[in-house]
């Protein structure tokens, strides 16, 4: 669960520096993970927004994160281009749960193939929030953005959920769905919490 930031955050200069530190830590892709797991990704892990629980940073701060997500995207693209192996490089911008945003690079069979099974495509008819996220330091129009639903998901059998836990999920607004995972029937509990804009360079 993501919480909107309502507490006063001190030391904003230091917090801004944390964005740069996070970028320098993850600007080089994990090629081994790309080959062994079929994907490489980097989540936003910046103190204090991930401390104990996920918190949503103010919009001006998230624009700094977007800049670094794009920088990571560009660094990774150069590295993966050298491999001469098909890949699908994506930027995820979650809204309003912006702290969940990521850069993802998926191993695909053929150049141009899209890996779109991370989220379920949204049926909502809304426009990309350009005005909210625009900045003079980057160009969001470089990317083609597709809308997906941001959902909290829980799984009865995989997680071994108890009846008490299931009742609590239902009280929290989770809806029950029957699905199949790895050939096995599964009961899934889903709650929509926002949207995810997945961008690929045009």
N, C-alpha and C. Protein backbone atom coordinates (compact mmCIF):
# COMPACT_ATOMS: atom_id res chain seq x y z
N UNK A 1 0.84 -1.19 0.00
CA UNK A 1 0.00 0.00 0.00
C UNK A 1 0.88 1.25 0.00
N UNK A 2 0.52 2.23 -0.80
CA UNK A 2 1.29 3.45 -0.92
C UNK A 2 0.58 4.56 -0.16
N UNK A 3 1.34 5.33 0.60
CA UNK A 3 0.77 6.41 1.40
C UNK A 3 1.16 7.75 0.82
N UNK A 4 0.21 8.68 0.76
CA UNK A 4 0.51 10.03 0.34
C UNK A 4 1.31 10.72 1.42
N UNK A 5 2.34 11.44 1.02
CA UNK A 5 3.19 12.10 1.99
C UNK A 5 2.47 13.28 2.64
N UNK A 6 2.31 13.21 3.96
CA UNK A 6 1.68 14.30 4.70
C UNK A 6 2.59 14.82 5.80
N UNK A 7 3.69 14.12 6.05
CA UNK A 7 4.62 14.56 7.07
C UNK A 7 5.66 15.50 6.47
N UNK A 8 6.13 16.42 7.28
CA UNK A 8 7.15 17.34 6.82
C UNK A 8 8.46 16.61 6.64
N UNK A 9 9.07 16.78 5.48
CA UNK A 9 10.35 16.16 5.18
C UNK A 9 11.43 17.22 5.32
N UNK A 10 12.43 16.96 6.16
CA UNK A 10 13.50 17.92 6.38
C UNK A 10 14.69 17.60 5.48
N UNK A 11 15.51 18.60 5.23
CA UNK A 11 16.73 18.40 4.48
C UNK A 11 16.51 18.12 3.02
N UNK A 12 15.77 19.01 2.33
CA UNK A 12 15.44 18.74 0.93
C UNK A 12 16.68 18.71 0.04
N UNK A 13 17.69 19.49 0.36
CA UNK A 13 18.92 19.46 -0.45
C UNK A 13 19.53 18.07 -0.43
N UNK A 14 19.54 17.47 0.75
CA UNK A 14 20.06 16.11 0.87
C UNK A 14 19.18 15.12 0.14
N UNK A 15 17.87 15.31 0.20
CA UNK A 15 16.93 14.41 -0.49
C UNK A 15 17.12 14.48 -2.00
N UNK A 16 17.39 15.67 -2.51
CA UNK A 16 17.65 15.81 -3.94
C UNK A 16 18.91 15.04 -4.31
N UNK A 17 19.92 15.11 -3.44
CA UNK A 17 21.15 14.36 -3.68
C UNK A 17 20.93 12.87 -3.70
N UNK A 18 19.93 12.39 -2.96
CA UNK A 18 19.62 10.96 -2.95
C UNK A 18 19.17 10.47 -4.32
N UNK A 19 18.49 11.34 -5.08
CA UNK A 19 18.05 10.96 -6.43
C UNK A 19 19.27 10.70 -7.31
N UNK A 20 20.27 11.57 -7.21
CA UNK A 20 21.48 11.39 -8.01
C UNK A 20 22.24 10.15 -7.58
N UNK A 21 22.31 9.90 -6.27
CA UNK A 21 23.01 8.71 -5.77
C UNK A 21 22.35 7.44 -6.28
N UNK A 22 21.02 7.42 -6.26
CA UNK A 22 20.27 6.27 -6.78
C UNK A 22 20.57 6.07 -8.26
N UNK A 23 20.60 7.16 -9.02
CA UNK A 23 20.90 7.07 -10.45
C UNK A 23 22.27 6.46 -10.70
N UNK A 24 23.29 6.96 -10.01
CA UNK A 24 24.65 6.47 -10.25
C UNK A 24 24.80 5.01 -9.84
N UNK A 25 23.99 4.56 -8.90
CA UNK A 25 24.04 3.16 -8.48
C UNK A 25 23.47 2.24 -9.55
N UNK A 26 22.46 2.71 -10.28
CA UNK A 26 21.72 1.82 -11.19
C UNK A 26 21.83 2.20 -12.67
N UNK A 27 22.70 3.13 -13.01
CA UNK A 27 22.78 3.55 -14.41
C UNK A 27 23.37 2.47 -15.31
N UNK A 28 24.09 1.52 -14.72
CA UNK A 28 24.64 0.41 -15.49
C UNK A 28 23.71 -0.79 -15.37
N UNK A 29 23.24 -1.35 -16.47
CA UNK A 29 22.28 -2.47 -16.40
C UNK A 29 22.92 -3.74 -15.87
N UNK A 30 22.07 -4.63 -15.36
CA UNK A 30 22.50 -5.94 -14.87
C UNK A 30 22.33 -6.94 -16.02
N UNK A 31 23.34 -7.06 -16.83
CA UNK A 31 23.26 -7.92 -18.02
C UNK A 31 23.04 -9.38 -17.62
N UNK A 32 23.64 -9.81 -16.51
CA UNK A 32 23.47 -11.19 -16.07
C UNK A 32 22.01 -11.49 -15.76
N UNK A 33 21.34 -10.54 -15.10
CA UNK A 33 19.91 -10.72 -14.80
C UNK A 33 19.09 -10.76 -16.08
N UNK A 34 19.45 -9.94 -17.04
CA UNK A 34 18.75 -9.92 -18.33
C UNK A 34 18.81 -11.29 -19.00
N UNK A 35 19.97 -11.93 -18.93
CA UNK A 35 20.12 -13.24 -19.57
C UNK A 35 19.50 -14.37 -18.74
N UNK A 36 19.70 -14.33 -17.42
CA UNK A 36 19.25 -15.45 -16.58
C UNK A 36 17.76 -15.39 -16.26
N UNK A 37 17.21 -14.19 -16.06
CA UNK A 37 15.82 -14.04 -15.66
C UNK A 37 14.92 -13.56 -16.79
N UNK A 38 15.54 -13.18 -17.90
CA UNK A 38 14.76 -12.70 -19.02
C UNK A 38 14.35 -11.25 -18.92
N UNK A 39 14.88 -10.56 -17.91
CA UNK A 39 14.56 -9.14 -17.75
C UNK A 39 15.54 -8.49 -16.78
N UNK A 40 15.62 -7.20 -16.88
CA UNK A 40 16.39 -6.38 -15.95
C UNK A 40 15.50 -5.20 -15.58
N UNK A 41 15.55 -4.75 -14.35
CA UNK A 41 14.71 -3.62 -13.96
C UNK A 41 15.35 -2.88 -12.80
N UNK A 42 14.95 -1.65 -12.64
CA UNK A 42 15.36 -0.86 -11.48
C UNK A 42 14.14 -0.12 -10.95
N UNK A 43 13.89 -0.29 -9.67
CA UNK A 43 12.79 0.39 -9.00
C UNK A 43 13.31 1.67 -8.36
N UNK A 44 12.39 2.56 -8.07
CA UNK A 44 12.75 3.78 -7.35
C UNK A 44 12.94 3.41 -5.88
N UNK A 45 14.17 3.49 -5.43
CA UNK A 45 14.51 3.18 -4.05
C UNK A 45 15.29 4.35 -3.48
N UNK A 46 14.55 5.32 -2.99
CA UNK A 46 15.15 6.56 -2.51
C UNK A 46 14.60 6.88 -1.12
N UNK A 47 15.47 6.99 -0.16
CA UNK A 47 15.07 7.34 1.21
C UNK A 47 14.58 8.79 1.24
N UNK A 48 13.48 9.12 1.96
CA UNK A 48 12.72 8.27 2.88
C UNK A 48 11.45 7.67 2.27
N UNK A 49 11.31 7.71 0.94
CA UNK A 49 10.04 7.35 0.31
C UNK A 49 9.75 5.86 0.37
N UNK A 50 10.77 5.05 0.61
CA UNK A 50 10.56 3.61 0.73
C UNK A 50 10.81 3.11 2.15
N UNK A 51 10.92 3.99 3.09
CA UNK A 51 11.21 3.60 4.47
C UNK A 51 9.94 3.06 5.14
N UNK A 52 9.98 1.79 5.56
CA UNK A 52 8.87 1.10 6.24
C UNK A 52 7.68 0.88 5.29
N UNK A 53 7.22 1.93 4.63
CA UNK A 53 6.13 1.79 3.66
C UNK A 53 6.39 2.75 2.51
N UNK A 54 5.75 2.50 1.38
CA UNK A 54 5.92 3.38 0.23
C UNK A 54 5.15 4.68 0.43
N UNK A 55 5.80 5.79 0.17
CA UNK A 55 5.17 7.10 0.30
C UNK A 55 5.31 7.85 -1.02
N UNK A 56 4.31 8.63 -1.34
CA UNK A 56 4.31 9.38 -2.60
C UNK A 56 5.02 10.72 -2.40
N UNK A 57 6.10 10.97 -3.14
CA UNK A 57 6.79 12.25 -3.00
C UNK A 57 6.02 13.37 -3.68
N UNK A 58 6.31 14.63 -3.36
CA UNK A 58 5.64 15.74 -4.04
C UNK A 58 5.98 15.73 -5.53
N UNK A 59 5.11 16.35 -6.32
CA UNK A 59 5.24 16.25 -7.77
C UNK A 59 6.55 16.85 -8.29
N UNK A 60 6.99 17.98 -7.70
CA UNK A 60 8.24 18.59 -8.17
C UNK A 60 9.41 17.63 -7.96
N UNK A 61 9.37 16.85 -6.89
CA UNK A 61 10.43 15.89 -6.60
C UNK A 61 10.35 14.71 -7.56
N UNK A 62 9.12 14.30 -7.88
CA UNK A 62 8.97 13.19 -8.82
C UNK A 62 9.49 13.56 -10.20
N UNK A 63 9.40 14.82 -10.57
CA UNK A 63 9.96 15.23 -11.86
C UNK A 63 11.48 15.03 -11.89
N UNK A 64 12.13 15.20 -10.74
CA UNK A 64 13.57 14.90 -10.66
C UNK A 64 13.80 13.41 -10.88
N UNK A 65 12.90 12.60 -10.33
CA UNK A 65 13.00 11.14 -10.50
C UNK A 65 12.78 10.77 -11.96
N UNK A 66 11.78 11.40 -12.60
CA UNK A 66 11.54 11.13 -14.02
C UNK A 66 12.79 11.40 -14.84
N UNK A 67 13.45 12.53 -14.54
CA UNK A 67 14.68 12.86 -15.27
C UNK A 67 15.69 11.73 -15.16
N UNK A 68 15.84 11.17 -13.96
CA UNK A 68 16.82 10.11 -13.77
C UNK A 68 16.33 8.78 -14.34
N UNK A 69 15.04 8.55 -14.35
CA UNK A 69 14.52 7.35 -15.01
C UNK A 69 14.84 7.40 -16.51
N UNK A 70 14.68 8.56 -17.10
CA UNK A 70 15.01 8.72 -18.52
C UNK A 70 16.51 8.56 -18.74
N UNK A 71 17.32 9.11 -17.82
CA UNK A 71 18.77 8.96 -17.93
C UNK A 71 19.17 7.49 -17.85
N UNK A 72 18.55 6.75 -16.92
CA UNK A 72 18.83 5.32 -16.81
C UNK A 72 18.42 4.62 -18.10
N UNK A 73 17.23 4.95 -18.59
CA UNK A 73 16.76 4.39 -19.86
C UNK A 73 17.80 4.59 -20.96
N UNK A 74 18.34 5.80 -21.07
CA UNK A 74 19.27 6.12 -22.15
C UNK A 74 20.60 5.38 -21.98
N UNK A 75 21.09 5.28 -20.74
CA UNK A 75 22.32 4.53 -20.48
C UNK A 75 22.13 3.05 -20.81
N UNK A 76 21.00 2.51 -20.37
CA UNK A 76 20.72 1.09 -20.62
C UNK A 76 20.60 0.82 -22.12
N UNK A 77 19.96 1.72 -22.84
CA UNK A 77 19.77 1.50 -24.27
C UNK A 77 21.12 1.36 -24.98
N UNK A 78 22.07 2.19 -24.62
CA UNK A 78 23.40 2.09 -25.23
C UNK A 78 24.03 0.73 -24.94
N UNK A 79 23.87 0.26 -23.70
CA UNK A 79 24.46 -1.02 -23.31
C UNK A 79 23.79 -2.19 -24.02
N UNK A 80 22.46 -2.15 -24.09
CA UNK A 80 21.74 -3.27 -24.71
C UNK A 80 21.86 -3.25 -26.23
N UNK A 81 22.03 -2.08 -26.81
CA UNK A 81 22.26 -2.01 -28.25
C UNK A 81 23.54 -2.75 -28.63
N UNK A 82 24.55 -2.69 -27.76
CA UNK A 82 25.83 -3.34 -28.03
C UNK A 82 25.68 -4.86 -28.06
N UNK A 83 24.71 -5.39 -27.29
CA UNK A 83 24.54 -6.85 -27.21
C UNK A 83 24.07 -7.46 -28.53
N UNK A 84 23.44 -6.64 -29.36
CA UNK A 84 22.90 -7.15 -30.63
C UNK A 84 21.89 -8.27 -30.38
N UNK A 85 21.10 -8.10 -29.30
CA UNK A 85 20.07 -9.07 -28.94
C UNK A 85 18.76 -8.33 -28.74
N UNK A 86 17.62 -8.86 -29.25
CA UNK A 86 16.35 -8.15 -29.14
C UNK A 86 15.97 -7.86 -27.68
N UNK A 87 15.46 -6.67 -27.44
CA UNK A 87 15.02 -6.29 -26.10
C UNK A 87 13.87 -5.29 -26.20
N UNK A 88 13.11 -5.20 -25.13
CA UNK A 88 11.99 -4.26 -25.03
C UNK A 88 12.25 -3.38 -23.82
N UNK A 89 12.69 -2.15 -24.06
CA UNK A 89 13.07 -1.23 -22.99
C UNK A 89 11.90 -0.30 -22.69
N UNK A 90 11.49 -0.26 -21.42
CA UNK A 90 10.29 0.47 -21.02
C UNK A 90 10.57 1.39 -19.84
N UNK A 91 9.82 2.48 -19.77
CA UNK A 91 9.75 3.32 -18.57
C UNK A 91 8.33 3.22 -18.04
N UNK A 92 8.20 2.92 -16.76
CA UNK A 92 6.88 2.88 -16.12
C UNK A 92 6.72 4.12 -15.25
N UNK A 93 5.67 4.87 -15.48
CA UNK A 93 5.33 6.00 -14.62
C UNK A 93 3.97 5.71 -13.98
N UNK A 94 4.00 5.40 -12.70
CA UNK A 94 2.76 5.08 -11.98
C UNK A 94 2.11 6.36 -11.49
N UNK A 95 0.78 6.38 -11.51
CA UNK A 95 0.04 7.56 -11.10
C UNK A 95 -1.26 7.13 -10.40
N UNK A 96 -1.49 7.51 -9.15
CA UNK A 96 -0.73 8.48 -8.37
C UNK A 96 0.43 7.88 -7.56
N UNK A 97 0.59 6.56 -7.60
CA UNK A 97 1.62 5.91 -6.78
C UNK A 97 2.98 6.00 -7.47
N UNK A 98 3.47 7.22 -7.60
CA UNK A 98 4.65 7.49 -8.41
C UNK A 98 5.90 6.77 -7.91
N UNK A 99 5.97 6.45 -6.63
CA UNK A 99 7.15 5.80 -6.09
C UNK A 99 7.31 4.38 -6.63
N UNK A 100 6.28 3.84 -7.27
CA UNK A 100 6.36 2.51 -7.87
C UNK A 100 6.98 2.53 -9.28
N UNK A 101 7.30 3.68 -9.79
CA UNK A 101 7.80 3.80 -11.15
C UNK A 101 9.13 3.05 -11.33
N UNK A 102 9.38 2.60 -12.57
CA UNK A 102 10.55 1.77 -12.84
C UNK A 102 11.07 1.98 -14.26
N UNK A 103 12.27 1.45 -14.48
CA UNK A 103 12.77 1.18 -15.83
C UNK A 103 12.88 -0.32 -15.96
N UNK A 104 12.36 -0.88 -17.05
CA UNK A 104 12.36 -2.33 -17.26
C UNK A 104 12.89 -2.64 -18.65
N UNK A 105 13.75 -3.65 -18.73
CA UNK A 105 14.22 -4.12 -20.03
C UNK A 105 13.96 -5.62 -20.12
N UNK A 106 13.09 -6.02 -21.04
CA UNK A 106 12.69 -7.41 -21.17
C UNK A 106 13.38 -8.05 -22.38
N UNK A 107 13.78 -9.29 -22.20
CA UNK A 107 14.36 -10.08 -23.29
C UNK A 107 13.22 -10.59 -24.17
N UNK A 108 13.25 -10.28 -25.45
CA UNK A 108 12.19 -10.72 -26.37
C UNK A 108 12.81 -11.48 -27.54
N UNK A 109 11.98 -12.21 -28.25
CA UNK A 109 12.48 -13.06 -29.33
C UNK A 109 12.89 -12.27 -30.57
N UNK A 110 12.11 -11.22 -30.87
CA UNK A 110 12.34 -10.48 -32.10
C UNK A 110 12.26 -8.98 -31.84
N UNK A 111 13.10 -8.22 -32.47
CA UNK A 111 13.06 -6.77 -32.35
C UNK A 111 11.68 -6.24 -32.73
N UNK A 112 11.12 -5.38 -31.89
CA UNK A 112 9.79 -4.83 -32.14
C UNK A 112 8.70 -5.50 -31.34
N UNK A 113 9.00 -6.68 -30.78
CA UNK A 113 8.02 -7.37 -29.93
C UNK A 113 7.91 -6.63 -28.60
N UNK A 114 6.66 -6.47 -28.11
CA UNK A 114 6.44 -5.78 -26.85
C UNK A 114 6.09 -6.77 -25.75
N UNK A 115 6.71 -6.61 -24.61
CA UNK A 115 6.38 -7.42 -23.43
C UNK A 115 5.35 -6.64 -22.63
N UNK A 116 4.08 -7.03 -22.74
CA UNK A 116 2.99 -6.27 -22.14
C UNK A 116 2.21 -7.05 -21.08
N UNK A 117 2.85 -8.04 -20.46
CA UNK A 117 2.13 -8.85 -19.49
C UNK A 117 2.44 -8.48 -18.04
N UNK A 118 3.04 -7.33 -17.84
CA UNK A 118 3.33 -6.89 -16.47
C UNK A 118 2.07 -6.36 -15.78
N UNK A 119 1.28 -5.63 -16.54
CA UNK A 119 0.03 -5.06 -16.04
C UNK A 119 -1.09 -5.38 -17.03
N UNK A 120 -2.31 -5.17 -16.58
CA UNK A 120 -3.46 -5.33 -17.47
C UNK A 120 -3.80 -3.98 -18.10
N UNK A 121 -3.99 -4.00 -19.42
CA UNK A 121 -4.26 -2.75 -20.12
C UNK A 121 -5.56 -2.14 -19.61
N UNK A 122 -5.54 -0.83 -19.41
CA UNK A 122 -6.68 -0.13 -18.83
C UNK A 122 -7.76 0.14 -19.86
N UNK A 123 -9.00 0.12 -19.41
CA UNK A 123 -10.14 0.46 -20.26
C UNK A 123 -10.52 1.93 -20.09
N UNK A 124 -9.84 2.62 -19.18
CA UNK A 124 -10.14 4.03 -18.93
C UNK A 124 -9.67 4.90 -20.09
N UNK A 125 -10.45 5.91 -20.39
CA UNK A 125 -10.12 6.82 -21.48
C UNK A 125 -9.60 8.13 -20.90
N UNK A 126 -8.30 8.17 -20.62
CA UNK A 126 -7.70 9.37 -20.06
C UNK A 126 -6.43 9.69 -20.85
N UNK A 127 -6.05 10.96 -20.82
CA UNK A 127 -4.88 11.40 -21.56
C UNK A 127 -3.64 11.36 -20.67
N UNK A 128 -2.50 11.21 -21.30
CA UNK A 128 -1.23 11.23 -20.58
C UNK A 128 -1.08 12.58 -19.88
N UNK A 129 -0.71 12.60 -18.59
CA UNK A 129 -0.64 13.85 -17.81
C UNK A 129 0.59 14.69 -18.11
N UNK A 130 0.70 15.15 -19.33
CA UNK A 130 1.88 15.91 -19.75
C UNK A 130 2.10 17.15 -18.90
N UNK A 131 1.05 17.90 -18.64
CA UNK A 131 1.20 19.15 -17.90
C UNK A 131 1.72 18.92 -16.49
N UNK A 132 1.29 17.84 -15.88
CA UNK A 132 1.71 17.55 -14.50
C UNK A 132 3.18 17.18 -14.42
N UNK A 133 3.67 16.48 -15.44
CA UNK A 133 5.02 15.93 -15.37
C UNK A 133 6.02 16.60 -16.30
N UNK A 134 5.61 17.59 -17.07
CA UNK A 134 6.53 18.19 -18.03
C UNK A 134 7.65 18.94 -17.32
N UNK A 135 8.78 19.04 -18.00
CA UNK A 135 9.94 19.73 -17.45
C UNK A 135 10.81 20.24 -18.59
N UNK A 136 11.58 21.27 -18.32
CA UNK A 136 12.50 21.80 -19.32
C UNK A 136 13.72 20.90 -19.50
N UNK A 137 13.91 19.96 -18.59
CA UNK A 137 15.12 19.13 -18.62
C UNK A 137 14.95 17.81 -19.36
N UNK A 138 13.73 17.48 -19.76
CA UNK A 138 13.50 16.24 -20.52
C UNK A 138 12.28 16.40 -21.41
N UNK A 139 12.14 15.48 -22.35
CA UNK A 139 11.05 15.54 -23.34
C UNK A 139 10.25 14.24 -23.29
N UNK A 140 9.09 14.29 -22.67
CA UNK A 140 8.25 13.09 -22.56
C UNK A 140 7.66 12.67 -23.90
N UNK A 141 7.63 13.58 -24.87
CA UNK A 141 7.09 13.24 -26.18
C UNK A 141 8.03 12.33 -26.97
N UNK A 142 9.23 12.08 -26.44
CA UNK A 142 10.14 11.10 -27.05
C UNK A 142 9.55 9.70 -27.02
N UNK A 143 8.60 9.50 -26.11
CA UNK A 143 8.10 8.16 -25.84
C UNK A 143 6.63 8.03 -26.25
N UNK A 144 6.28 6.83 -26.63
CA UNK A 144 4.88 6.49 -26.88
C UNK A 144 4.33 5.85 -25.62
N UNK A 145 3.27 6.43 -25.04
CA UNK A 145 2.77 6.01 -23.74
C UNK A 145 1.47 5.21 -23.89
N UNK A 146 1.42 4.07 -23.21
CA UNK A 146 0.24 3.21 -23.19
C UNK A 146 -0.26 3.08 -21.76
N UNK A 147 -1.58 3.13 -21.59
CA UNK A 147 -2.18 3.15 -20.26
C UNK A 147 -2.53 1.74 -19.77
N UNK A 148 -2.09 1.43 -18.54
CA UNK A 148 -2.41 0.18 -17.88
C UNK A 148 -2.97 0.48 -16.49
N UNK A 149 -3.62 -0.51 -15.88
CA UNK A 149 -4.13 -0.37 -14.52
C UNK A 149 -3.04 -0.74 -13.51
N UNK A 150 -2.87 0.09 -12.51
CA UNK A 150 -1.99 -0.22 -11.39
C UNK A 150 -2.84 -0.92 -10.35
N UNK A 151 -2.50 -2.17 -10.04
CA UNK A 151 -3.32 -2.97 -9.14
C UNK A 151 -2.48 -3.60 -8.03
N UNK A 152 -3.06 -3.68 -6.85
CA UNK A 152 -2.51 -4.51 -5.79
C UNK A 152 -3.09 -5.91 -5.98
N UNK A 153 -2.23 -6.92 -6.04
CA UNK A 153 -2.67 -8.29 -6.28
C UNK A 153 -2.21 -9.21 -5.16
N UNK A 154 -3.09 -10.11 -4.76
CA UNK A 154 -2.76 -11.15 -3.79
C UNK A 154 -3.27 -12.48 -4.34
N UNK A 155 -2.62 -13.59 -3.93
CA UNK A 155 -2.93 -14.90 -4.50
C UNK A 155 -3.16 -15.91 -3.38
N UNK A 156 -4.34 -16.54 -3.41
CA UNK A 156 -4.76 -17.42 -2.33
C UNK A 156 -3.82 -18.60 -2.13
N UNK A 157 -3.57 -19.37 -3.18
CA UNK A 157 -2.78 -20.59 -3.05
C UNK A 157 -1.29 -20.31 -2.98
N UNK A 158 -0.81 -19.43 -3.83
CA UNK A 158 0.62 -19.12 -3.85
C UNK A 158 1.08 -18.58 -2.50
N UNK A 159 0.27 -17.71 -1.90
CA UNK A 159 0.64 -17.09 -0.63
C UNK A 159 0.12 -17.86 0.57
N UNK A 160 -0.75 -18.85 0.32
CA UNK A 160 -1.33 -19.58 1.44
C UNK A 160 -2.16 -18.70 2.35
N UNK A 161 -3.01 -17.88 1.75
CA UNK A 161 -3.81 -16.94 2.53
C UNK A 161 -4.83 -17.66 3.40
N UNK A 162 -4.97 -17.20 4.63
CA UNK A 162 -5.96 -17.77 5.54
C UNK A 162 -7.32 -17.12 5.28
N UNK A 163 -8.38 -17.72 5.84
CA UNK A 163 -9.72 -17.16 5.68
C UNK A 163 -9.80 -15.76 6.28
N UNK A 164 -9.10 -15.56 7.40
CA UNK A 164 -9.10 -14.25 8.04
C UNK A 164 -8.44 -13.21 7.14
N UNK A 165 -7.34 -13.61 6.49
CA UNK A 165 -6.65 -12.68 5.59
C UNK A 165 -7.52 -12.36 4.38
N UNK A 166 -8.22 -13.35 3.88
CA UNK A 166 -9.10 -13.14 2.73
C UNK A 166 -10.24 -12.19 3.09
N UNK A 167 -10.82 -12.38 4.26
CA UNK A 167 -11.89 -11.50 4.72
C UNK A 167 -11.39 -10.06 4.84
N UNK A 168 -10.16 -9.90 5.32
CA UNK A 168 -9.59 -8.56 5.46
C UNK A 168 -9.38 -7.91 4.09
N UNK A 169 -8.93 -8.71 3.12
CA UNK A 169 -8.75 -8.19 1.77
C UNK A 169 -10.08 -7.72 1.18
N UNK A 170 -11.13 -8.49 1.41
CA UNK A 170 -12.45 -8.12 0.89
C UNK A 170 -12.94 -6.84 1.54
N UNK A 171 -12.65 -6.66 2.82
CA UNK A 171 -13.03 -5.43 3.51
C UNK A 171 -12.28 -4.22 2.93
N UNK A 172 -11.06 -4.48 2.45
CA UNK A 172 -10.24 -3.41 1.89
C UNK A 172 -10.56 -3.11 0.43
N UNK A 173 -11.55 -3.83 -0.12
CA UNK A 173 -11.99 -3.54 -1.47
C UNK A 173 -11.40 -4.41 -2.56
N UNK A 174 -10.71 -5.49 -2.19
CA UNK A 174 -10.17 -6.41 -3.19
C UNK A 174 -11.30 -7.24 -3.80
N UNK A 175 -11.25 -7.43 -5.12
CA UNK A 175 -12.23 -8.23 -5.84
C UNK A 175 -11.65 -9.60 -6.17
N UNK A 176 -12.49 -10.62 -6.11
CA UNK A 176 -12.05 -12.00 -6.35
C UNK A 176 -12.12 -12.34 -7.83
N UNK A 177 -11.05 -12.96 -8.33
CA UNK A 177 -11.00 -13.41 -9.72
C UNK A 177 -10.38 -14.81 -9.77
N UNK A 178 -10.93 -15.64 -10.63
CA UNK A 178 -10.34 -16.97 -10.84
C UNK A 178 -9.43 -16.91 -12.07
N UNK A 179 -8.23 -17.46 -11.93
CA UNK A 179 -7.27 -17.40 -13.02
C UNK A 179 -6.44 -18.68 -13.04
N UNK A 180 -5.50 -18.76 -13.96
CA UNK A 180 -4.60 -19.90 -14.06
C UNK A 180 -3.17 -19.38 -14.11
N UNK A 181 -2.31 -19.90 -13.25
CA UNK A 181 -0.91 -19.49 -13.21
C UNK A 181 -0.03 -20.73 -13.30
N UNK A 182 0.83 -20.75 -14.30
CA UNK A 182 1.71 -21.90 -14.54
C UNK A 182 0.92 -23.21 -14.64
N UNK A 183 -0.26 -23.11 -15.29
CA UNK A 183 -1.07 -24.30 -15.51
C UNK A 183 -1.92 -24.72 -14.33
N UNK A 184 -1.86 -23.97 -13.23
CA UNK A 184 -2.60 -24.32 -12.03
C UNK A 184 -3.69 -23.29 -11.75
N UNK A 185 -4.91 -23.76 -11.36
CA UNK A 185 -5.97 -22.81 -11.02
C UNK A 185 -5.58 -22.00 -9.79
N UNK A 186 -5.94 -20.73 -9.80
CA UNK A 186 -5.57 -19.84 -8.71
C UNK A 186 -6.67 -18.83 -8.48
N UNK A 187 -6.88 -18.48 -7.22
CA UNK A 187 -7.81 -17.42 -6.86
C UNK A 187 -7.01 -16.15 -6.59
N UNK A 188 -7.31 -15.12 -7.35
CA UNK A 188 -6.58 -13.86 -7.24
C UNK A 188 -7.50 -12.79 -6.65
N UNK A 189 -6.92 -11.95 -5.82
CA UNK A 189 -7.64 -10.82 -5.23
C UNK A 189 -6.98 -9.54 -5.76
N UNK A 190 -7.77 -8.70 -6.42
CA UNK A 190 -7.22 -7.52 -7.09
C UNK A 190 -7.93 -6.25 -6.63
N UNK A 191 -7.14 -5.21 -6.48
CA UNK A 191 -7.69 -3.90 -6.13
C UNK A 191 -6.97 -2.83 -6.97
N UNK A 192 -7.73 -2.13 -7.77
CA UNK A 192 -7.15 -1.07 -8.59
C UNK A 192 -6.80 0.13 -7.73
N UNK A 193 -5.55 0.60 -7.87
CA UNK A 193 -5.09 1.72 -7.04
C UNK A 193 -4.61 2.90 -7.88
N UNK A 194 -4.75 2.79 -9.20
CA UNK A 194 -4.32 3.89 -10.05
C UNK A 194 -4.01 3.40 -11.45
N UNK A 195 -3.10 4.08 -12.10
CA UNK A 195 -2.71 3.73 -13.46
C UNK A 195 -1.20 3.64 -13.59
N UNK A 196 -0.77 3.01 -14.67
CA UNK A 196 0.64 2.95 -15.04
C UNK A 196 0.76 3.35 -16.50
N UNK A 197 1.57 4.35 -16.75
CA UNK A 197 1.88 4.73 -18.12
C UNK A 197 3.19 4.07 -18.50
N UNK A 198 3.15 3.18 -19.49
CA UNK A 198 4.35 2.49 -19.95
C UNK A 198 4.81 3.13 -21.25
N UNK A 199 6.04 3.64 -21.22
CA UNK A 199 6.57 4.37 -22.36
C UNK A 199 7.71 3.66 -23.05
N UNK A 200 7.69 3.72 -24.36
CA UNK A 200 8.78 3.19 -25.19
C UNK A 200 9.21 4.29 -26.15
N UNK A 201 10.49 4.39 -26.37
CA UNK A 201 10.99 5.43 -27.26
C UNK A 201 10.45 5.23 -28.67
N UNK A 202 10.02 6.32 -29.29
CA UNK A 202 9.43 6.26 -30.62
C UNK A 202 10.49 5.96 -31.68
